[in-house]
């Protein structure tokens, strides 16, 4: 687990009461140097999201993670669900699409 990944998990755990949290470092699927810790996917489930619209959920989480963006995190895909929505999705978040610029190998990136 990367250090940024751990910080994201700890930050979200401390801020929200979540029943499910998965933070994935997807940097290796992008055209970035090895170990960049720049692209993440967060899947979070909690009652806190039931009272917010989709955009409000994203604003809420992005605000909490602002220090990571300030420190170089480039992108964070957010999949934020209430308990009911998560059940309707059968506890599955969508798969991330392939990055259009990720056709170089990690060795080519140095």
PDB file of N, CA and C in Angstrom:
ATOM      1  N   UNK A   1       0.846  -1.180   0.000  1.00  0.00           N
ATOM      2  CA  UNK A   1       0.000   0.000   0.000  1.00  0.00           C
ATOM      3  C   UNK A   1       0.890   1.241   0.000  1.00  0.00           C
ATOM      4  N   UNK A   2       0.569   2.177  -0.872  1.00  0.00           N
ATOM      5  CA  UNK A   2       1.359   3.407  -0.956  1.00  0.00           C
ATOM      6  C   UNK A   2       1.070   4.311   0.240  1.00  0.00           C
ATOM      7  N   UNK A   3       1.985   5.211   0.505  1.00  0.00           N
ATOM      8  CA  UNK A   3       1.791   6.119   1.645  1.00  0.00           C
ATOM      9  C   UNK A   3       0.619   7.056   1.394  1.00  0.00           C
ATOM     10  N   UNK A   4       0.433   7.524   0.161  1.00  0.00           N
ATOM     11  CA  UNK A   4      -0.717   8.395  -0.119  1.00  0.00           C
ATOM     12  C   UNK A   4      -2.010   7.608   0.024  1.00  0.00           C
ATOM     13  N   UNK A   5      -2.018   6.386  -0.441  1.00  0.00           N
ATOM     14  CA  UNK A   5      -3.199   5.534  -0.315  1.00  0.00           C
ATOM     15  C   UNK A   5      -3.577   5.374   1.160  1.00  0.00           C
ATOM     16  N   UNK A   6      -2.595   5.135   1.988  1.00  0.00           N
ATOM     17  CA  UNK A   6      -2.834   4.981   3.431  1.00  0.00           C
ATOM     18  C   UNK A   6      -3.375   6.288   4.029  1.00  0.00           C
ATOM     19  N   UNK A   7      -2.801   7.425   3.622  1.00  0.00           N
ATOM     20  CA  UNK A   7      -3.272   8.719   4.139  1.00  0.00           C
ATOM     21  C   UNK A   7      -4.716   8.992   3.712  1.00  0.00           C
ATOM     22  N   UNK A   8      -5.048   8.651   2.482  1.00  0.00           N
ATOM     23  CA  UNK A   8      -6.424   8.842   2.016  1.00  0.00           C
ATOM     24  C   UNK A   8      -7.375   8.003   2.857  1.00  0.00           C
ATOM     25  N   UNK A   9      -7.039   6.740   3.068  1.00  0.00           N
ATOM     26  CA  UNK A   9      -7.878   5.862   3.890  1.00  0.00           C
ATOM     27  C   UNK A   9      -8.034   6.418   5.298  1.00  0.00           C
ATOM     28  N   UNK A  10      -6.937   6.810   5.910  1.00  0.00           N
ATOM     29  CA  UNK A  10      -6.976   7.328   7.281  1.00  0.00           C
ATOM     30  C   UNK A  10      -7.797   8.618   7.365  1.00  0.00           C
ATOM     31  N   UNK A  11      -7.640   9.490   6.381  1.00  0.00           N
ATOM     32  CA  UNK A  11      -8.370  10.753   6.367  1.00  0.00           C
ATOM     33  C   UNK A  11      -9.869  10.510   6.243  1.00  0.00           C
ATOM     34  N   UNK A  12     -10.262   9.644   5.311  1.00  0.00           N
ATOM     35  CA  UNK A  12     -11.686   9.376   5.113  1.00  0.00           C
ATOM     36  C   UNK A  12     -12.280   8.628   6.295  1.00  0.00           C
ATOM     37  N   UNK A  13     -11.519   7.695   6.864  1.00  0.00           N
ATOM     38  CA  UNK A  13     -11.985   6.978   8.066  1.00  0.00           C
ATOM     39  C   UNK A  13     -12.219   7.934   9.227  1.00  0.00           C
ATOM     40  N   UNK A  14     -11.328   8.900   9.397  1.00  0.00           N
ATOM     41  CA  UNK A  14     -11.438   9.847  10.505  1.00  0.00           C
ATOM     42  C   UNK A  14     -12.585  10.831  10.307  1.00  0.00           C
ATOM     43  N   UNK A  15     -12.868  11.176   9.061  1.00  0.00           N
ATOM     44  CA  UNK A  15     -13.867  12.204   8.761  1.00  0.00           C
ATOM     45  C   UNK A  15     -15.289  11.673   8.698  1.00  0.00           C
ATOM     46  N   UNK A  16     -15.453  10.459   8.177  1.00  0.00           N
ATOM     47  CA  UNK A  16     -16.784   9.910   7.933  1.00  0.00           C
ATOM     48  C   UNK A  16     -16.964   8.569   8.640  1.00  0.00           C
ATOM     49  N   UNK A  17     -18.191   8.262   8.956  1.00  0.00           N
ATOM     50  CA  UNK A  17     -18.530   6.952   9.489  1.00  0.00           C
ATOM     51  C   UNK A  17     -18.956   6.095   8.298  1.00  0.00           C
ATOM     52  N   UNK A  18     -18.034   5.271   7.814  1.00  0.00           N
ATOM     53  CA  UNK A  18     -18.267   4.502   6.599  1.00  0.00           C
ATOM     54  C   UNK A  18     -18.421   3.016   6.906  1.00  0.00           C
ATOM     55  N   UNK A  19     -19.313   2.383   6.197  1.00  0.00           N
ATOM     56  CA  UNK A  19     -19.468   0.936   6.350  1.00  0.00           C
ATOM     57  C   UNK A  19     -18.565   0.183   5.367  1.00  0.00           C
ATOM     58  N   UNK A  20     -18.129   0.865   4.315  1.00  0.00           N
ATOM     59  CA  UNK A  20     -17.231   0.255   3.333  1.00  0.00           C
ATOM     60  C   UNK A  20     -16.327   1.344   2.779  1.00  0.00           C
ATOM     61  N   UNK A  21     -15.034   1.050   2.672  1.00  0.00           N
ATOM     62  CA  UNK A  21     -14.076   1.968   2.071  1.00  0.00           C
ATOM     63  C   UNK A  21     -13.024   1.161   1.337  1.00  0.00           C
ATOM     64  N   UNK A  22     -12.836   1.496   0.078  1.00  0.00           N
ATOM     65  CA  UNK A  22     -11.779   0.895  -0.714  1.00  0.00           C
ATOM     66  C   UNK A  22     -11.063   2.018  -1.443  1.00  0.00           C
ATOM     67  N   UNK A  23      -9.752   2.109  -1.240  1.00  0.00           N
ATOM     68  CA  UNK A  23      -8.928   3.104  -1.920  1.00  0.00           C
ATOM     69  C   UNK A  23      -7.905   2.342  -2.754  1.00  0.00           C
ATOM     70  N   UNK A  24      -7.951   2.563  -4.063  1.00  0.00           N
ATOM     71  CA  UNK A  24      -7.041   1.870  -4.975  1.00  0.00           C
ATOM     72  C   UNK A  24      -6.121   2.879  -5.653  1.00  0.00           C
ATOM     73  N   UNK A  25      -4.829   2.561  -5.663  1.00  0.00           N
ATOM     74  CA  UNK A  25      -3.847   3.361  -6.383  1.00  0.00           C
ATOM     75  C   UNK A  25      -3.835   2.854  -7.823  1.00  0.00           C
ATOM     76  N   UNK A  26      -4.379   3.642  -8.734  1.00  0.00           N
ATOM     77  CA  UNK A  26      -4.456   3.249 -10.134  1.00  0.00           C
ATOM     78  C   UNK A  26      -3.392   3.942 -10.990  1.00  0.00           C
ATOM     79  N   UNK A  27      -2.391   4.477 -10.354  1.00  0.00           N
ATOM     80  CA  UNK A  27      -1.343   5.219 -11.067  1.00  0.00           C
ATOM     81  C   UNK A  27      -0.644   4.379 -12.130  1.00  0.00           C
ATOM     82  N   UNK A  28      -0.471   3.101 -11.875  1.00  0.00           N
ATOM     83  CA  UNK A  28       0.250   2.240 -12.818  1.00  0.00           C
ATOM     84  C   UNK A  28      -0.470   2.126 -14.158  1.00  0.00           C
ATOM     85  N   UNK A  29      -1.758   2.436 -14.196  1.00  0.00           N
ATOM     86  CA  UNK A  29      -2.517   2.385 -15.436  1.00  0.00           C
ATOM     87  C   UNK A  29      -2.487   3.691 -16.207  1.00  0.00           C
ATOM     88  N   UNK A  30      -1.651   4.617 -15.779  1.00  0.00           N
ATOM     89  CA  UNK A  30      -1.571   5.932 -16.414  1.00  0.00           C
ATOM     90  C   UNK A  30      -0.138   6.219 -16.846  1.00  0.00           C
ATOM     91  N   UNK A  31       0.005   7.175 -17.697  1.00  0.00           N
ATOM     92  CA  UNK A  31       1.316   7.518 -18.240  1.00  0.00           C
ATOM     93  C   UNK A  31       2.054   8.435 -17.264  1.00  0.00           C
ATOM     94  N   UNK A  32       2.457   7.855 -16.146  1.00  0.00           N
ATOM     95  CA  UNK A  32       3.183   8.580 -15.099  1.00  0.00           C
ATOM     96  C   UNK A  32       4.380   7.738 -14.665  1.00  0.00           C
ATOM     97  N   UNK A  33       5.381   8.354 -14.051  1.00  0.00           N
ATOM     98  CA  UNK A  33       6.533   7.571 -13.576  1.00  0.00           C
ATOM     99  C   UNK A  33       6.124   6.533 -12.530  1.00  0.00           C
ATOM    100  N   UNK A  34       6.873   5.464 -12.472  1.00  0.00           N
ATOM    101  CA  UNK A  34       6.650   4.421 -11.468  1.00  0.00           C
ATOM    102  C   UNK A  34       6.676   5.045 -10.074  1.00  0.00           C
ATOM    103  N   UNK A  35       5.721   4.676  -9.234  1.00  0.00           N
ATOM    104  CA  UNK A  35       5.655   5.176  -7.865  1.00  0.00           C
ATOM    105  C   UNK A  35       5.088   6.590  -7.751  1.00  0.00           C
ATOM    106  N   UNK A  36       4.421   7.069  -8.779  1.00  0.00           N
ATOM    107  CA  UNK A  36       3.931   8.454  -8.798  1.00  0.00           C
ATOM    108  C   UNK A  36       2.841   8.725  -7.770  1.00  0.00           C
ATOM    109  N   UNK A  37       2.059   7.730  -7.415  1.00  0.00           N
ATOM    110  CA  UNK A  37       0.942   7.918  -6.483  1.00  0.00           C
ATOM    111  C   UNK A  37       0.101   9.122  -6.890  1.00  0.00           C
ATOM    112  N   UNK A  38      -0.326   9.133  -8.145  1.00  0.00           N
ATOM    113  CA  UNK A  38      -1.015  10.304  -8.690  1.00  0.00           C
ATOM    114  C   UNK A  38      -2.486  10.082  -9.022  1.00  0.00           C
ATOM    115  N   UNK A  39      -2.897   8.848  -9.242  1.00  0.00           N
ATOM    116  CA  UNK A  39      -4.264   8.536  -9.663  1.00  0.00           C
ATOM    117  C   UNK A  39      -4.874   7.496  -8.713  1.00  0.00           C
ATOM    118  N   UNK A  40      -6.021   7.832  -8.160  1.00  0.00           N
ATOM    119  CA  UNK A  40      -6.663   6.949  -7.188  1.00  0.00           C
ATOM    120  C   UNK A  40      -8.137   6.762  -7.499  1.00  0.00           C
ATOM    121  N   UNK A  41      -8.674   5.687  -6.972  1.00  0.00           N
ATOM    122  CA  UNK A  41     -10.100   5.397  -7.062  1.00  0.00           C
ATOM    123  C   UNK A  41     -10.581   5.132  -5.641  1.00  0.00           C
ATOM    124  N   UNK A  42     -11.609   5.865  -5.226  1.00  0.00           N
ATOM    125  CA  UNK A  42     -12.184   5.709  -3.894  1.00  0.00           C
ATOM    126  C   UNK A  42     -13.620   5.217  -4.041  1.00  0.00           C
ATOM    127  N   UNK A  43     -13.912   4.123  -3.378  1.00  0.00           N
ATOM    128  CA  UNK A  43     -15.280   3.636  -3.262  1.00  0.00           C
ATOM    129  C   UNK A  43     -15.626   3.709  -1.781  1.00  0.00           C
ATOM    130  N   UNK A  44     -16.638   4.500  -1.456  1.00  0.00           N
ATOM    131  CA  UNK A  44     -17.012   4.693  -0.056  1.00  0.00           C
ATOM    132  C   UNK A  44     -18.522   4.582   0.093  1.00  0.00           C
ATOM    133  N   UNK A  45     -18.923   3.921   1.165  1.00  0.00           N
ATOM    134  CA  UNK A  45     -20.340   3.713   1.449  1.00  0.00           C
ATOM    135  C   UNK A  45     -20.615   4.166   2.871  1.00  0.00           C
ATOM    136  N   UNK A  46     -21.634   4.993   3.028  1.00  0.00           N
ATOM    137  CA  UNK A  46     -21.995   5.441   4.364  1.00  0.00           C
ATOM    138  C   UNK A  46     -23.305   6.207   4.359  1.00  0.00           C
ATOM    139  N   UNK A  47     -23.924   6.262   5.497  1.00  0.00           N
ATOM    140  CA  UNK A  47     -25.199   6.977   5.618  1.00  0.00           C
ATOM    141  C   UNK A  47     -25.036   8.472   5.372  1.00  0.00           C
ATOM    142  N   UNK A  48     -23.843   9.004   5.567  1.00  0.00           N
ATOM    143  CA  UNK A  48     -23.592  10.419   5.324  1.00  0.00           C
ATOM    144  C   UNK A  48     -23.924  10.810   3.886  1.00  0.00           C
ATOM    145  N   UNK A  49     -23.785   9.898   2.952  1.00  0.00           N
ATOM    146  CA  UNK A  49     -24.019  10.216   1.551  1.00  0.00           C
ATOM    147  C   UNK A  49     -25.505  10.218   1.185  1.00  0.00           C
ATOM    148  N   UNK A  50     -26.338   9.608   2.006  1.00  0.00           N
ATOM    149  CA  UNK A  50     -27.771   9.536   1.714  1.00  0.00           C
ATOM    150  C   UNK A  50     -28.415  10.917   1.681  1.00  0.00           C
ATOM    151  N   UNK A  51     -27.875  11.831   2.441  1.00  0.00           N
ATOM    152  CA  UNK A  51     -28.489  13.169   2.541  1.00  0.00           C
ATOM    153  C   UNK A  51     -27.910  14.173   1.552  1.00  0.00           C
ATOM    154  N   UNK A  52     -27.042  13.741   0.649  1.00  0.00           N
ATOM    155  CA  UNK A  52     -26.388  14.650  -0.296  1.00  0.00           C
ATOM    156  C   UNK A  52     -26.593  14.204  -1.739  1.00  0.00           C
ATOM    157  N   UNK A  53     -26.647  15.173  -2.638  1.00  0.00           N
ATOM    158  CA  UNK A  53     -26.674  14.869  -4.066  1.00  0.00           C
ATOM    159  C   UNK A  53     -25.309  14.332  -4.476  1.00  0.00           C
ATOM    160  N   UNK A  54     -25.237  13.819  -5.677  1.00  0.00           N
ATOM    161  CA  UNK A  54     -23.972  13.262  -6.169  1.00  0.00           C
ATOM    162  C   UNK A  54     -22.866  14.326  -6.182  1.00  0.00           C
ATOM    163  N   UNK A  55     -23.154  15.501  -6.682  1.00  0.00           N
ATOM    164  CA  UNK A  55     -22.137  16.554  -6.740  1.00  0.00           C
ATOM    165  C   UNK A  55     -21.755  17.026  -5.341  1.00  0.00           C
ATOM    166  N   UNK A  56     -22.713  17.075  -4.435  1.00  0.00           N
ATOM    167  CA  UNK A  56     -22.415  17.483  -3.055  1.00  0.00           C
ATOM    168  C   UNK A  56     -21.519  16.447  -2.371  1.00  0.00           C
ATOM    169  N   UNK A  57     -21.722  15.183  -2.672  1.00  0.00           N
ATOM    170  CA  UNK A  57     -20.875  14.123  -2.127  1.00  0.00           C
ATOM    171  C   UNK A  57     -19.431  14.319  -2.596  1.00  0.00           C
ATOM    172  N   UNK A  58     -19.287  14.572  -3.881  1.00  0.00           N
ATOM    173  CA  UNK A  58     -17.949  14.769  -4.443  1.00  0.00           C
ATOM    174  C   UNK A  58     -17.273  15.996  -3.841  1.00  0.00           C
ATOM    175  N   UNK A  59     -18.004  17.068  -3.699  1.00  0.00           N
ATOM    176  CA  UNK A  59     -17.439  18.276  -3.089  1.00  0.00           C
ATOM    177  C   UNK A  59     -17.008  18.014  -1.657  1.00  0.00           C
ATOM    178  N   UNK A  60     -17.816  17.280  -0.933  1.00  0.00           N
ATOM    179  CA  UNK A  60     -17.518  16.949   0.455  1.00  0.00           C
ATOM    180  C   UNK A  60     -16.211  16.166   0.567  1.00  0.00           C
ATOM    181  N   UNK A  61     -16.060  15.132  -0.239  1.00  0.00           N
ATOM    182  CA  UNK A  61     -14.864  14.289  -0.188  1.00  0.00           C
ATOM    183  C   UNK A  61     -13.654  15.032  -0.754  1.00  0.00           C
ATOM    184  N   UNK A  62     -13.834  15.748  -1.846  1.00  0.00           N
ATOM    185  CA  UNK A  62     -12.713  16.507  -2.418  1.00  0.00           C
ATOM    186  C   UNK A  62     -12.181  17.542  -1.431  1.00  0.00           C
ATOM    187  N   UNK A  63     -13.057  18.165  -0.675  1.00  0.00           N
ATOM    188  CA  UNK A  63     -12.625  19.137   0.332  1.00  0.00           C
ATOM    189  C   UNK A  63     -11.762  18.461   1.397  1.00  0.00           C
ATOM    190  N   UNK A  64     -12.173  17.289   1.820  1.00  0.00           N
ATOM    191  CA  UNK A  64     -11.424  16.544   2.835  1.00  0.00           C
ATOM    192  C   UNK A  64     -10.062  16.099   2.296  1.00  0.00           C
ATOM    193  N   UNK A  65      -9.995  15.825   1.003  1.00  0.00           N
ATOM    194  CA  UNK A  65      -8.747  15.349   0.388  1.00  0.00           C
ATOM    195  C   UNK A  65      -7.925  16.470  -0.255  1.00  0.00           C
ATOM    196  N   UNK A  66      -8.299  17.719  -0.039  1.00  0.00           N
ATOM    197  CA  UNK A  66      -7.626  18.844  -0.690  1.00  0.00           C
ATOM    198  C   UNK A  66      -6.112  18.840  -0.464  1.00  0.00           C
ATOM    199  N   UNK A  67      -5.676  18.470   0.725  1.00  0.00           N
ATOM    200  CA  UNK A  67      -4.230  18.478   0.994  1.00  0.00           C
ATOM    201  C   UNK A  67      -3.495  17.484   0.101  1.00  0.00           C
ATOM    202  N   UNK A  68      -4.132  16.378  -0.268  1.00  0.00           N
ATOM    203  CA  UNK A  68      -3.504  15.411  -1.174  1.00  0.00           C
ATOM    204  C   UNK A  68      -3.410  15.981  -2.587  1.00  0.00           C
ATOM    205  N   UNK A  69      -4.448  16.689  -3.028  1.00  0.00           N
ATOM    206  CA  UNK A  69      -4.380  17.350  -4.342  1.00  0.00           C
ATOM    207  C   UNK A  69      -3.282  18.408  -4.333  1.00  0.00           C
ATOM    208  N   UNK A  70      -3.201  19.167  -3.251  1.00  0.00           N
ATOM    209  CA  UNK A  70      -2.170  20.199  -3.128  1.00  0.00           C
ATOM    210  C   UNK A  70      -0.763  19.596  -3.147  1.00  0.00           C
ATOM    211  N   UNK A  71      -0.647  18.354  -2.684  1.00  0.00           N
ATOM    212  CA  UNK A  71       0.654  17.685  -2.605  1.00  0.00           C
ATOM    213  C   UNK A  71       0.969  16.856  -3.856  1.00  0.00           C
ATOM    214  N   UNK A  72       0.167  16.985  -4.920  1.00  0.00           N
ATOM    215  CA  UNK A  72       0.516  16.333  -6.163  1.00  0.00           C
ATOM    216  C   UNK A  72      -0.399  15.237  -6.666  1.00  0.00           C
ATOM    217  N   UNK A  73      -1.454  14.892  -5.915  1.00  0.00           N
ATOM    218  CA  UNK A  73      -2.390  13.907  -6.445  1.00  0.00           C
ATOM    219  C   UNK A  73      -3.087  14.534  -7.650  1.00  0.00           C
ATOM    220  N   UNK A  74      -3.075  13.838  -8.765  1.00  0.00           N
ATOM    221  CA  UNK A  74      -3.616  14.389 -10.005  1.00  0.00           C
ATOM    222  C   UNK A  74      -5.109  14.106 -10.159  1.00  0.00           C
ATOM    223  N   UNK A  75      -5.537  12.894  -9.819  1.00  0.00           N
ATOM    224  CA  UNK A  75      -6.922  12.504 -10.054  1.00  0.00           C
ATOM    225  C   UNK A  75      -7.391  11.521  -8.996  1.00  0.00           C
ATOM    226  N   UNK A  76      -8.678  11.635  -8.684  1.00  0.00           N
ATOM    227  CA  UNK A  76      -9.277  10.712  -7.723  1.00  0.00           C
ATOM    228  C   UNK A  76     -10.712  10.447  -8.165  1.00  0.00           C
ATOM    229  N   UNK A  77     -10.937   9.259  -8.707  1.00  0.00           N
ATOM    230  CA  UNK A  77     -12.281   8.851  -9.112  1.00  0.00           C
ATOM    231  C   UNK A  77     -13.062   8.511  -7.850  1.00  0.00           C
ATOM    232  N   UNK A  78     -14.226   9.106  -7.706  1.00  0.00           N
ATOM    233  CA  UNK A  78     -15.028   8.913  -6.502  1.00  0.00           C
ATOM    234  C   UNK A  78     -16.311   8.163  -6.824  1.00  0.00           C
ATOM    235  N   UNK A  79     -16.538   7.092  -6.090  1.00  0.00           N
ATOM    236  CA  UNK A  79     -17.766   6.305  -6.180  1.00  0.00           C
ATOM    237  C   UNK A  79     -18.325   6.277  -4.765  1.00  0.00           C
ATOM    238  N   UNK A  80     -19.303   7.138  -4.521  1.00  0.00           N
ATOM    239  CA  UNK A  80     -19.804   7.387  -3.171  1.00  0.00           C
ATOM    240  C   UNK A  80     -21.276   7.010  -3.096  1.00  0.00           C
ATOM    241  N   UNK A  81     -21.596   6.110  -2.177  1.00  0.00           N
ATOM    242  CA  UNK A  81     -22.939   5.552  -2.129  1.00  0.00           C
ATOM    243  C   UNK A  81     -23.523   5.566  -0.729  1.00  0.00           C
ATOM    244  N   UNK A  82     -24.848   5.699  -0.677  1.00  0.00           N
ATOM    245  CA  UNK A  82     -25.560   5.438   0.577  1.00  0.00           C
ATOM    246  C   UNK A  82     -25.639   3.920   0.736  1.00  0.00           C
ATOM    247  N   UNK A  83     -26.066   3.480   1.891  1.00  0.00           N
ATOM    248  CA  UNK A  83     -26.193   2.030   2.134  1.00  0.00           C
ATOM    249  C   UNK A  83     -27.159   1.390   1.126  1.00  0.00           C
ATOM    250  N   UNK A  84     -28.297   2.044   0.890  1.00  0.00           N
ATOM    251  CA  UNK A  84     -29.289   1.499  -0.039  1.00  0.00           C
ATOM    252  C   UNK A  84     -28.758   1.439  -1.463  1.00  0.00           C
ATOM    253  N   UNK A  85     -28.081   2.489  -1.893  1.00  0.00           N
ATOM    254  CA  UNK A  85     -27.511   2.499  -3.242  1.00  0.00           C
ATOM    255  C   UNK A  85     -26.478   1.391  -3.420  1.00  0.00           C
ATOM    256  N   UNK A  86     -25.674   1.175  -2.393  1.00  0.00           N
ATOM    257  CA  UNK A  86     -24.648   0.130  -2.444  1.00  0.00           C
ATOM    258  C   UNK A  86     -25.298  -1.242  -2.570  1.00  0.00           C
ATOM    259  N   UNK A  87     -26.370  -1.467  -1.842  1.00  0.00           N
ATOM    260  CA  UNK A  87     -27.090  -2.740  -1.947  1.00  0.00           C
ATOM    261  C   UNK A  87     -27.684  -2.912  -3.344  1.00  0.00           C
ATOM    262  N   UNK A  88     -28.227  -1.830  -3.892  1.00  0.00           N
ATOM    263  CA  UNK A  88     -28.807  -1.897  -5.238  1.00  0.00           C
ATOM    264  C   UNK A  88     -27.734  -2.216  -6.279  1.00  0.00           C
ATOM    265  N   UNK A  89     -26.513  -1.778  -6.038  1.00  0.00           N
ATOM    266  CA  UNK A  89     -25.391  -2.046  -6.943  1.00  0.00           C
ATOM    267  C   UNK A  89     -24.773  -3.422  -6.668  1.00  0.00           C
ATOM    268  N   UNK A  90     -25.344  -4.159  -5.738  1.00  0.00           N
ATOM    269  CA  UNK A  90     -24.852  -5.472  -5.343  1.00  0.00           C
ATOM    270  C   UNK A  90     -23.403  -5.390  -4.879  1.00  0.00           C
ATOM    271  N   UNK A  91     -23.103  -4.322  -4.125  1.00  0.00           N
ATOM    272  CA  UNK A  91     -21.790  -4.100  -3.527  1.00  0.00           C
ATOM    273  C   UNK A  91     -20.661  -4.068  -4.564  1.00  0.00           C
ATOM    274  N   UNK A  92     -20.934  -3.475  -5.718  1.00  0.00           N
ATOM    275  CA  UNK A  92     -19.948  -3.402  -6.787  1.00  0.00           C
ATOM    276  C   UNK A  92     -19.816  -1.972  -7.299  1.00  0.00           C
ATOM    277  N   UNK A  93     -18.592  -1.474  -7.341  1.00  0.00           N
ATOM    278  CA  UNK A  93     -18.308  -0.176  -7.952  1.00  0.00           C
ATOM    279  C   UNK A  93     -17.966  -0.400  -9.418  1.00  0.00           C
ATOM    280  N   UNK A  94     -18.162   0.608 -10.259  1.00  0.00           N
ATOM    281  CA  UNK A  94     -17.795   0.442 -11.669  1.00  0.00           C
ATOM    282  C   UNK A  94     -16.293   0.282 -11.857  1.00  0.00           C
ATOM    283  N   UNK A  95     -15.920  -0.383 -12.918  1.00  0.00           N
ATOM    284  CA  UNK A  95     -14.510  -0.537 -13.266  1.00  0.00           C
ATOM    285  C   UNK A  95     -14.007   0.779 -13.859  1.00  0.00           C
ATOM    286  N   UNK A  96     -12.767   1.091 -13.605  1.00  0.00           N
ATOM    287  CA  UNK A  96     -12.172   2.290 -14.183  1.00  0.00           C
ATOM    288  C   UNK A  96     -11.831   2.028 -15.648  1.00  0.00           C
ATOM    289  N   UNK A  97     -12.072   3.018 -16.509  1.00  0.00           N
ATOM    290  CA  UNK A  97     -11.705   2.840 -17.918  1.00  0.00           C
ATOM    291  C   UNK A  97     -10.196   2.909 -18.085  1.00  0.00           C
ATOM    292  N   UNK A  98      -9.713   2.366 -19.173  1.00  0.00           N
ATOM    293  CA  UNK A  98      -8.284   2.445 -19.477  1.00  0.00           C
ATOM    294  C   UNK A  98      -7.929   3.886 -19.808  1.00  0.00           C
ATOM    295  N   UNK A  99      -6.752   4.295 -19.405  1.00  0.00           N
ATOM    296  CA  UNK A  99      -6.252   5.641 -19.684  1.00  0.00           C
ATOM    297  C   UNK A  99      -5.771   5.700 -21.130  1.00  0.00           C
ATOM    298  N   UNK A 100      -6.230   6.705 -21.874  1.00  0.00           N
ATOM    299  CA  UNK A 100      -5.856   6.838 -23.288  1.00  0.00           C
ATOM    300  C   UNK A 100      -4.361   7.071 -23.462  1.00  0.00           C
ATOM    301  N   UNK A 101      -3.706   7.689 -22.482  1.00  0.00           N
ATOM    302  CA  UNK A 101      -2.285   7.978 -22.592  1.00  0.00           C
ATOM    303  C   UNK A 101      -1.387   6.965 -21.937  1.00  0.00           C
ATOM    304  N   UNK A 102      -1.909   5.810 -21.597  1.00  0.00           N
ATOM    305  CA  UNK A 102      -1.126   4.825 -20.849  1.00  0.00           C
ATOM    306  C   UNK A 102      -0.559   3.730 -21.734  1.00  0.00           C
ATOM    307  N   UNK A 103      -0.264   4.030 -22.970  1.00  0.00           N
ATOM    308  CA  UNK A 103       0.225   2.979 -23.848  1.00  0.00           C
ATOM    309  C   UNK A 103       1.726   2.753 -23.741  1.00  0.00           C
ATOM    310  N   UNK A 104       2.447   3.604 -23.021  1.00  0.00           N
ATOM    311  CA  UNK A 104       3.878   3.374 -22.810  1.00  0.00           C
ATOM    312  C   UNK A 104       4.054   2.404 -21.646  1.00  0.00           C
ATOM    313  N   UNK A 105       5.123   1.643 -21.678  1.00  0.00           N
ATOM    314  CA  UNK A 105       5.381   0.734 -20.574  1.00  0.00           C
ATOM    315  C   UNK A 105       6.033   1.499 -19.430  1.00  0.00           C
ATOM    316  N   UNK A 106       5.963   0.963 -18.251  1.00  0.00           N
ATOM    317  CA  UNK A 106       6.565   1.577 -17.083  1.00  0.00           C
ATOM    318  C   UNK A 106       8.067   1.783 -17.289  1.00  0.00           C
ATOM    319  N   UNK A 107       8.716   0.827 -17.946  1.00  0.00           N
ATOM    320  CA  UNK A 107      10.158   0.947 -18.184  1.00  0.00           C
ATOM    321  C   UNK A 107      10.463   2.139 -19.084  1.00  0.00           C
ATOM    322  N   UNK A 108       9.580   2.455 -20.017  1.00  0.00           N
ATOM    323  CA  UNK A 108       9.778   3.594 -20.905  1.00  0.00           C
ATOM    324  C   UNK A 108       9.700   4.918 -20.159  1.00  0.00           C
ATOM    325  N   UNK A 109       9.014   4.914 -19.017  1.00  0.00           N
ATOM    326  CA  UNK A 109       8.803   6.136 -18.256  1.00  0.00           C
ATOM    327  C   UNK A 109       9.921   6.403 -17.271  1.00  0.00           C
ATOM    328  N   UNK A 110      10.807   5.480 -17.093  1.00  0.00           N
ATOM    329  CA  UNK A 110      11.933   5.671 -16.185  1.00  0.00           C
ATOM    330  C   UNK A 110      11.615   5.298 -14.827  1.00  0.00           C
TER     331      UNK A 110
END
